[in-house]
Amino acid sequence: MSKLGSIEGVVVKKLVRHPDDRGFFQEILRDDDALLRNFGQASLSMSYPGVIKAFHYHERQDDLWFFPVGAAQVVLYDQRIDSPTHGVTQVLYPSEMNPLLVVIPVGVVHGYRVLGQTPLMIVYFTTESYRPDDPDEKRFAWNDPTIGFDWSTQYK
């Protein structure tokens, strides 16, 4: 069973909104943020309430996740042998009400669950473009015992 904490190399950027009587403006990612080693691809995905998309990791690319619509439970697991946070699980709750950027480095296992009753949208940026002939995605089951994460809502 893994322990909970912060994972070495995972970066979380709290986003700032500038509201006025028309709505709001919010920057997501800037070149001077220095969050990605380089830019490869931007993608958009939608998931329905209750869906769990987990787990996978990459050997070449970093991911940067942003959830502009809905709410997510993001679960990260550090499987990197040489990492000072090897074996640590980090849980985050980004949403449209809690706008975060989450940088997920190479080798960190990641997945998410849609929270609430509305669909979730994720915009994600990667340091490499997807290559169908050589995909950089290694999979774990959503309930893999190595990670040992309990996806059920904890009522307290």
C-alpha atoms as a PDB file:
ATOM      1  CA  MET A   1       0.000   0.000   0.000  1.00  0.00           C
ATOM      2  CA  SER A   2       1.351   3.414  -0.898  1.00  0.00           C
ATOM      3  CA  LYS A   3       1.606   6.418   1.416  1.00  0.00           C
ATOM      4  CA  LEU A   4      -0.056   9.783   0.778  1.00  0.00           C
ATOM      5  CA  GLY A   5       1.983  12.955   0.195  1.00  0.00           C
ATOM      6  CA  SER A   6       3.494  15.218  -2.441  1.00  0.00           C
ATOM      7  CA  ILE A   7       5.445  13.647  -5.297  1.00  0.00           C
ATOM      8  CA  GLU A   8       8.863  14.898  -6.395  1.00  0.00           C
ATOM      9  CA  GLY A   9       8.606  16.725  -9.724  1.00  0.00           C
ATOM     10  CA  VAL A  10       4.817  17.174  -9.666  1.00  0.00           C
ATOM     11  CA  VAL A  11       4.064  20.899  -9.963  1.00  0.00           C
ATOM     12  CA  VAL A  12       0.697  22.452  -9.150  1.00  0.00           C
ATOM     13  CA  LYS A  13       0.005  26.020 -10.265  1.00  0.00           C
ATOM     14  CA  LYS A  14      -2.975  27.779  -8.692  1.00  0.00           C
ATOM     15  CA  LEU A  15      -4.656  29.759 -11.452  1.00  0.00           C
ATOM     16  CA  VAL A  16      -5.824  33.352 -10.987  1.00  0.00           C
ATOM     17  CA  ARG A  17      -9.156  34.569 -12.314  1.00  0.00           C
ATOM     18  CA  HIS A  18      -9.907  38.209 -13.041  1.00  0.00           C
ATOM     19  CA  PRO A  19     -13.701  38.605 -12.739  1.00  0.00           C
ATOM     20  CA  ASP A  20     -15.775  41.604 -13.685  1.00  0.00           C
ATOM     21  CA  ASP A  21     -19.425  42.267 -14.528  1.00  0.00           C
ATOM     22  CA  ARG A  22     -19.035  40.502 -17.905  1.00  0.00           C
ATOM     23  CA  GLY A  23     -17.543  37.217 -16.623  1.00  0.00           C
ATOM     24  CA  PHE A  24     -13.869  36.437 -16.052  1.00  0.00           C
ATOM     25  CA  PHE A  25     -10.481  36.176 -17.759  1.00  0.00           C
ATOM     26  CA  GLN A  26      -7.926  33.538 -16.774  1.00  0.00           C
ATOM     27  CA  GLU A  27      -4.518  32.677 -18.164  1.00  0.00           C
ATOM     28  CA  ILE A  28      -3.811  28.955 -18.207  1.00  0.00           C
ATOM     29  CA  LEU A  29      -0.256  28.422 -19.439  1.00  0.00           C
ATOM     30  CA  ARG A  30       2.448  30.900 -20.389  1.00  0.00           C
ATOM     31  CA  ASP A  31       5.855  30.298 -21.923  1.00  0.00           C
ATOM     32  CA  ASP A  32       7.490  32.085 -18.972  1.00  0.00           C
ATOM     33  CA  ASP A  33       5.842  29.650 -16.492  1.00  0.00           C
ATOM     34  CA  ALA A  34       8.621  27.176 -17.377  1.00  0.00           C
ATOM     35  CA  LEU A  35       6.332  24.251 -16.552  1.00  0.00           C
ATOM     36  CA  LEU A  36       7.029  22.085 -19.616  1.00  0.00           C
ATOM     37  CA  ARG A  37      10.443  21.078 -20.995  1.00  0.00           C
ATOM     38  CA  ASN A  38       8.982  21.717 -24.445  1.00  0.00           C
ATOM     39  CA  PHE A  39       5.548  21.794 -26.049  1.00  0.00           C
ATOM     40  CA  GLY A  40       4.248  18.822 -28.015  1.00  0.00           C
ATOM     41  CA  GLN A  41       0.452  18.739 -28.179  1.00  0.00           C
ATOM     42  CA  ALA A  42      -2.737  20.207 -26.648  1.00  0.00           C
ATOM     43  CA  SER A  43      -5.843  18.020 -26.367  1.00  0.00           C
ATOM     44  CA  LEU A  44      -9.388  18.179 -24.990  1.00  0.00           C
ATOM     45  CA  SER A  45     -11.377  15.298 -23.494  1.00  0.00           C
ATOM     46  CA  MET A  46     -14.822  14.980 -21.901  1.00  0.00           C
ATOM     47  CA  SER A  47     -15.875  12.273 -19.422  1.00  0.00           C
ATOM     48  CA  TYR A  48     -19.287  11.493 -17.958  1.00  0.00           C
ATOM     49  CA  PRO A  49     -20.121  11.539 -14.216  1.00  0.00           C
ATOM     50  CA  GLY A  50     -18.698   8.601 -12.271  1.00  0.00           C
ATOM     51  CA  VAL A  51     -16.133   7.645 -14.925  1.00  0.00           C
ATOM     52  CA  ILE A  52     -12.667   6.605 -13.750  1.00  0.00           C
ATOM     53  CA  LYS A  53      -9.848   7.010 -16.270  1.00  0.00           C
ATOM     54  CA  ALA A  54      -6.900   5.293 -14.662  1.00  0.00           C
ATOM     55  CA  PHE A  55      -4.068   4.399 -14.595  1.00  0.00           C
ATOM     56  CA  HIS A  56      -1.223   5.046 -17.031  1.00  0.00           C
ATOM     57  CA  TYR A  57       2.230   6.634 -17.217  1.00  0.00           C
ATOM     58  CA  HIS A  58       4.679   7.809 -19.845  1.00  0.00           C
ATOM     59  CA  GLU A  59       8.356   7.052 -20.428  1.00  0.00           C
ATOM     60  CA  ARG A  60       9.099  10.067 -22.677  1.00  0.00           C
ATOM     61  CA  GLN A  61       6.533  12.805 -22.113  1.00  0.00           C
ATOM     62  CA  ASP A  62       5.389  15.027 -19.277  1.00  0.00           C
ATOM     63  CA  ASP A  63       1.686  15.899 -19.040  1.00  0.00           C
ATOM     64  CA  LEU A  64       0.115  19.132 -17.869  1.00  0.00           C
ATOM     65  CA  TRP A  65      -3.580  18.831 -16.899  1.00  0.00           C
ATOM     66  CA  PHE A  66      -6.259  21.529 -16.576  1.00  0.00           C
ATOM     67  CA  PHE A  67      -9.953  20.910 -15.768  1.00  0.00           C
ATOM     68  CA  PRO A  68     -12.020  23.935 -16.917  1.00  0.00           C
ATOM     69  CA  VAL A  69     -15.446  22.262 -16.528  1.00  0.00           C
ATOM     70  CA  GLY A  70     -16.614  19.946 -13.756  1.00  0.00           C
ATOM     71  CA  ALA A  71     -14.680  18.458 -10.859  1.00  0.00           C
ATOM     72  CA  ALA A  72     -12.070  15.694 -10.677  1.00  0.00           C
ATOM     73  CA  GLN A  73     -10.258  13.567  -8.153  1.00  0.00           C
ATOM     74  CA  VAL A  74      -6.745  13.270  -9.585  1.00  0.00           C
ATOM     75  CA  VAL A  75      -4.598  10.420  -8.268  1.00  0.00           C
ATOM     76  CA  LEU A  76      -0.838  10.339  -8.860  1.00  0.00           C
ATOM     77  CA  TYR A  77       1.478   7.500  -7.826  1.00  0.00           C
ATOM     78  CA  ASP A  78       5.273   7.755  -7.885  1.00  0.00           C
ATOM     79  CA  GLN A  79       6.653   4.473  -9.219  1.00  0.00           C
ATOM     80  CA  ARG A  80      10.074   5.962 -10.105  1.00  0.00           C
ATOM     81  CA  ILE A  81      12.687   3.869  -8.308  1.00  0.00           C
ATOM     82  CA  ASP A  82      15.239   6.718  -8.089  1.00  0.00           C
ATOM     83  CA  SER A  83      12.727   9.282  -6.786  1.00  0.00           C
ATOM     84  CA  PRO A  84      12.836  10.508  -3.168  1.00  0.00           C
ATOM     85  CA  THR A  85       9.030  10.156  -3.184  1.00  0.00           C
ATOM     86  CA  HIS A  86       8.972   6.592  -4.577  1.00  0.00           C
ATOM     87  CA  GLY A  87       5.782   4.845  -3.410  1.00  0.00           C
ATOM     88  CA  VAL A  88       3.930   8.074  -2.547  1.00  0.00           C
ATOM     89  CA  THR A  89       0.346   8.687  -3.713  1.00  0.00           C
ATOM     90  CA  GLN A  90      -0.751  12.304  -4.201  1.00  0.00           C
ATOM     91  CA  VAL A  91      -4.449  13.225  -4.471  1.00  0.00           C
ATOM     92  CA  LEU A  92      -5.685  16.560  -5.867  1.00  0.00           C
ATOM     93  CA  TYR A  93      -9.159  18.008  -6.451  1.00  0.00           C
ATOM     94  CA  PRO A  94      -9.026  20.402  -9.432  1.00  0.00           C
ATOM     95  CA  SER A  95     -12.286  21.804 -10.730  1.00  0.00           C
ATOM     96  CA  GLU A  96     -13.848  24.843 -12.320  1.00  0.00           C
ATOM     97  CA  MET A  97     -14.131  26.241  -8.771  1.00  0.00           C
ATOM     98  CA  ASN A  98     -10.556  25.206  -7.869  1.00  0.00           C
ATOM     99  CA  PRO A  99      -8.581  25.932 -11.063  1.00  0.00           C
ATOM    100  CA  LEU A 100      -5.192  24.203 -10.977  1.00  0.00           C
ATOM    101  CA  LEU A 101      -2.537  23.228 -13.469  1.00  0.00           C
ATOM    102  CA  VAL A 102      -0.988  19.873 -12.611  1.00  0.00           C
ATOM    103  CA  VAL A 103       2.372  18.935 -14.156  1.00  0.00           C
ATOM    104  CA  ILE A 104       2.890  15.166 -14.189  1.00  0.00           C
ATOM    105  CA  PRO A 105       6.491  14.151 -14.885  1.00  0.00           C
ATOM    106  CA  VAL A 106       7.714  11.133 -16.831  1.00  0.00           C
ATOM    107  CA  GLY A 107       7.243   7.916 -14.855  1.00  0.00           C
ATOM    108  CA  VAL A 108       4.513   9.159 -12.485  1.00  0.00           C
ATOM    109  CA  VAL A 109       1.374   7.030 -12.772  1.00  0.00           C
ATOM    110  CA  HIS A 110      -1.806   9.095 -13.113  1.00  0.00           C
ATOM    111  CA  GLY A 111      -5.568   8.898 -13.446  1.00  0.00           C
ATOM    112  CA  TYR A 112      -8.740  10.664 -12.445  1.00  0.00           C
ATOM    113  CA  ARG A 113     -12.365  10.164 -11.398  1.00  0.00           C
ATOM    114  CA  VAL A 114     -15.214  12.476 -12.399  1.00  0.00           C
ATOM    115  CA  LEU A 115     -16.892  13.930  -9.316  1.00  0.00           C
ATOM    116  CA  GLY A 116     -20.418  15.350  -9.162  1.00  0.00           C
ATOM    117  CA  GLN A 117     -23.370  15.020 -11.520  1.00  0.00           C
ATOM    118  CA  THR A 118     -22.077  16.876 -14.588  1.00  0.00           C
ATOM    119  CA  PRO A 119     -19.565  15.921 -17.286  1.00  0.00           C
ATOM    120  CA  LEU A 120     -15.912  16.810 -16.794  1.00  0.00           C
ATOM    121  CA  MET A 121     -13.660  18.426 -19.371  1.00  0.00           C
ATOM    122  CA  ILE A 122      -9.887  18.158 -19.298  1.00  0.00           C
ATOM    123  CA  VAL A 123      -7.487  20.176 -21.423  1.00  0.00           C
ATOM    124  CA  TYR A 124      -4.058  18.633 -21.399  1.00  0.00           C
ATOM    125  CA  PHE A 125      -0.725  19.598 -22.804  1.00  0.00           C
ATOM    126  CA  THR A 126       2.139  17.190 -23.456  1.00  0.00           C
ATOM    127  CA  THR A 127       5.823  17.575 -24.213  1.00  0.00           C
ATOM    128  CA  GLU A 128       5.449  15.205 -27.206  1.00  0.00           C
ATOM    129  CA  SER A 129       2.816  14.678 -29.875  1.00  0.00           C
ATOM    130  CA  TYR A 130       0.980  11.352 -29.813  1.00  0.00           C
ATOM    131  CA  ARG A 131       2.524   8.764 -32.136  1.00  0.00           C
ATOM    132  CA  PRO A 132       0.071   5.976 -33.052  1.00  0.00           C
ATOM    133  CA  ASP A 133       2.965   3.808 -34.310  1.00  0.00           C
ATOM    134  CA  ASP A 134       4.841   4.158 -30.987  1.00  0.00           C
ATOM    135  CA  PRO A 135       2.426   5.305 -28.248  1.00  0.00           C
ATOM    136  CA  ASP A 136       4.038   6.445 -25.007  1.00  0.00           C
ATOM    137  CA  GLU A 137       1.388   5.015 -22.699  1.00  0.00           C
ATOM    138  CA  LYS A 138       1.970   2.202 -20.252  1.00  0.00           C
ATOM    139  CA  ARG A 139      -1.138   0.984 -18.416  1.00  0.00           C
ATOM    140  CA  PHE A 140      -2.115  -0.149 -14.925  1.00  0.00           C
ATOM    141  CA  ALA A 141      -5.652  -1.266 -14.005  1.00  0.00           C
ATOM    142  CA  TRP A 142      -7.782   1.332 -12.184  1.00  0.00           C
ATOM    143  CA  ASN A 143      -7.720  -0.965  -9.139  1.00  0.00           C
ATOM    144  CA  ASP A 144      -4.097  -2.151  -9.400  1.00  0.00           C
ATOM    145  CA  PRO A 145      -2.982  -3.560  -6.011  1.00  0.00           C
ATOM    146  CA  THR A 146       0.493  -2.001  -6.390  1.00  0.00           C
ATOM    147  CA  ILE A 147      -1.096   1.436  -6.165  1.00  0.00           C
ATOM    148  CA  GLY A 148      -3.847   0.261  -3.841  1.00  0.00           C
ATOM    149  CA  PHE A 149      -6.021   3.369  -4.185  1.00  0.00           C
ATOM    150  CA  ASP A 150      -9.622   3.263  -2.924  1.00  0.00           C
ATOM    151  CA  TRP A 151     -11.678   5.259  -5.451  1.00  0.00           C
ATOM    152  CA  SER A 152     -14.822   5.233  -3.320  1.00  0.00           C
ATOM    153  CA  THR A 153     -15.993   8.469  -1.749  1.00  0.00           C
ATOM    154  CA  GLN A 154     -14.902   8.643   1.878  1.00  0.00           C
ATOM    155  CA  TYR A 155     -17.791   9.874   4.004  1.00  0.00           C
ATOM    156  CA  LYS A 156     -16.533  11.557   7.153  1.00  0.00           C
END
